[in-house]
Amino acid sequence: MVRPRSRSGFTLIELLVVIAIIAILIGLLLPAVQKVREAAARSTCQNNMKQIALAVHNYESAMGVLPPGCSNSHSTMFPTPTSSASAGSIGNSMAGTLAFSLPYLEQDNVYRTFAAGTWTWPATAGYYNGSASTAAIKTLLCPSDTSATVTPANGQSAFWIYYPGGMTMYYFGGYSGYGRTNYASNAGYLGNIPGYPYQGPFTVNSKTKLTDIADGTSSTFAFGEAMAGAPLPAARPYVPAWFSFNLPTAWGLSAQPQWYQYGSMHSGGVVNFSMCDGSVRGCKVSMSSATFQYAAGMMDGGVYSQNDL
């Protein structure tokens, strides 16, 4: 005789309770996972910036000076900008600090692809090279940002020109195929334009020595994070190219940075800056404008507390 067997199982209510508990646990775990991921991304970003800062140190050891913020052979810019400099002061090269540093970032093969005249003084070659400029260099990208893959609404930056009273960005409209970066060298308030304070270590056609940084290498910005546009969820208007990314600090910091400001995608309102001694600090966008400019200038004599960054 076949006997019936009873089988235990979940009732519908019990199943719903289990699902609800799992959902709550996932909800509790996700923020923790996101925090761990962001901490790892921030650590990687800081390591990138340290490598870049050490690269310019090695450049200075080999060449006797730090690489320029931007090489520009235009008559109003070379060898130093004049009061006649304008948005149209575009010369040969236009290569920035990162491009000059390529051999010291283990990217000598990319560096050698550019025309030799890109690096001469004054430059005799054009400001970009199609094949070399498309190189994707992981060290130059912050993992918290989407700049490596995002399609910008307007195009990709080519170079910045600052001049008495302002700054203009030139960009490749509708094109974003050049190698990208999140790190801009520090020009100071308005670079070495005549009459402006807080000059930084990387300016137009600069030949700064580490010994020229009178305020101290541990107190002066070398590189900062930047995105050439507001962060998500806003539409990204531009993405920066590593070939030429050098920014003044005249427009300060903001929680919603624009193309003319430093900024990052890190949580907590923090932007990473590497100092000229190679150290890296997470700086609050809420820091006072005075502290920001004192840290940007290399020989202004301004004093600030590291706790104010």
Foldseek 3Di string as FASTA:
>chain_A
DDDDDDDDDDDPVRVVVVVVVVVVVCVVVVVVVVVVVLVVLVVLLQVLLLLLLVLQVVVCVVPVFGWAQFQAPFPCPPPHHEQPDDQPRHHAARFGRLLVSCVSSVNVVLNVVDDPQNPDRNRDHHHDDVPSQLDADPSQARPLAPLQPDQAPFAAWRAKDFHVPGIDTDGDGRYYRGYFGFKHFFQAARRPHPPDDQGARHHYNDGHGLVQLVVDQQLAFTMKTAALAFGPPPGHNYGYGNRRHHAYCNPAADPGDHRRHHDDSRPDQWIWTATSVSGIDTAHSPQDPLSVRSRHGRPPPDDDDPVSD
